[in-house]
Amino acid sequence: MPLKINHDKCCYCGGCVGVCPQDALELKETLLVVDEKCNECGICAKFCPVGAIEI
């Protein structure tokens, strides 16, 4: 997986999903899922208000 997601920190706000230029993030039930389209640009990590995403 290209990104490291701390699911304990993630508040599932969906903000990262909206800012991803590759459309590589998706909220599924209670998990944030990253697919192979992710190019590790870091936009989602910068946008995350709780610091739950690391590159």
Protein backbone atom coordinates (compact mmCIF):
# COMPACT_ATOMS: atom_id res chain seq x y z
CA MET A 1 0.00 0.00 0.00
CA PRO A 2 1.45 3.36 -1.01
CA LEU A 3 0.15 5.34 1.96
CA LYS A 4 0.17 4.48 5.64
CA ILE A 5 -3.18 5.20 7.23
CA ASN A 6 -3.62 5.28 10.98
CA HIS A 7 -7.20 4.04 11.27
CA ASP A 8 -7.25 4.87 14.99
CA LYS A 9 -6.65 8.56 14.18
CA CYS A 10 -8.83 8.77 11.07
CA CYS A 11 -12.11 10.58 11.76
CA TYR A 12 -13.60 9.52 8.38
CA CYS A 13 -14.38 13.09 7.39
CA GLY A 14 -13.77 12.28 3.71
CA GLY A 15 -11.75 15.42 3.07
CA CYS A 16 -8.82 13.46 1.70
CA VAL A 17 -11.12 11.69 -0.75
CA GLY A 18 -12.23 15.03 -2.16
CA VAL A 19 -8.73 16.46 -2.63
CA CYS A 20 -7.10 13.38 -4.21
CA PRO A 21 -6.26 14.27 -7.84
CA GLN A 22 -5.94 10.57 -8.74
CA ASP A 23 -9.30 9.59 -7.23
CA ALA A 24 -7.39 6.87 -5.36
CA LEU A 25 -9.07 7.15 -1.96
CA GLU A 26 -12.44 5.82 -0.92
CA LEU A 27 -14.35 5.53 2.34
CA LYS A 28 -15.74 2.01 2.67
CA GLU A 29 -17.89 1.46 5.73
CA THR A 30 -15.46 2.42 8.50
CA LEU A 31 -12.17 2.24 6.59
CA LEU A 32 -10.27 4.57 4.30
CA VAL A 33 -9.07 2.51 1.34
CA VAL A 34 -6.22 3.44 -1.03
CA ASP A 35 -6.06 1.82 -4.45
CA GLU A 36 -3.28 1.37 -7.00
CA LYS A 37 -3.97 4.73 -8.68
CA CYS A 38 -2.22 6.47 -5.77
CA ASN A 39 1.01 8.17 -6.87
CA GLU A 40 2.01 9.29 -3.36
CA CYS A 41 1.66 13.01 -4.15
CA GLY A 42 0.98 13.79 -0.48
CA ILE A 43 -1.95 16.16 -0.98
CA CYS A 44 -4.23 13.99 1.16
CA ALA A 45 -1.66 13.82 3.98
CA LYS A 46 -1.32 17.62 4.01
CA PHE A 47 -5.09 18.04 4.02
CA CYS A 48 -5.86 15.51 6.79
CA PRO A 49 -6.94 17.50 9.88
CA VAL A 50 -5.91 14.76 12.32
CA GLY A 51 -2.64 13.60 10.72
CA ALA A 52 -3.90 10.09 10.01
CA ILE A 53 -2.17 9.76 6.62
CA GLU A 54 1.58 9.30 6.16
CA ILE A 55 3.60 8.83 3.01
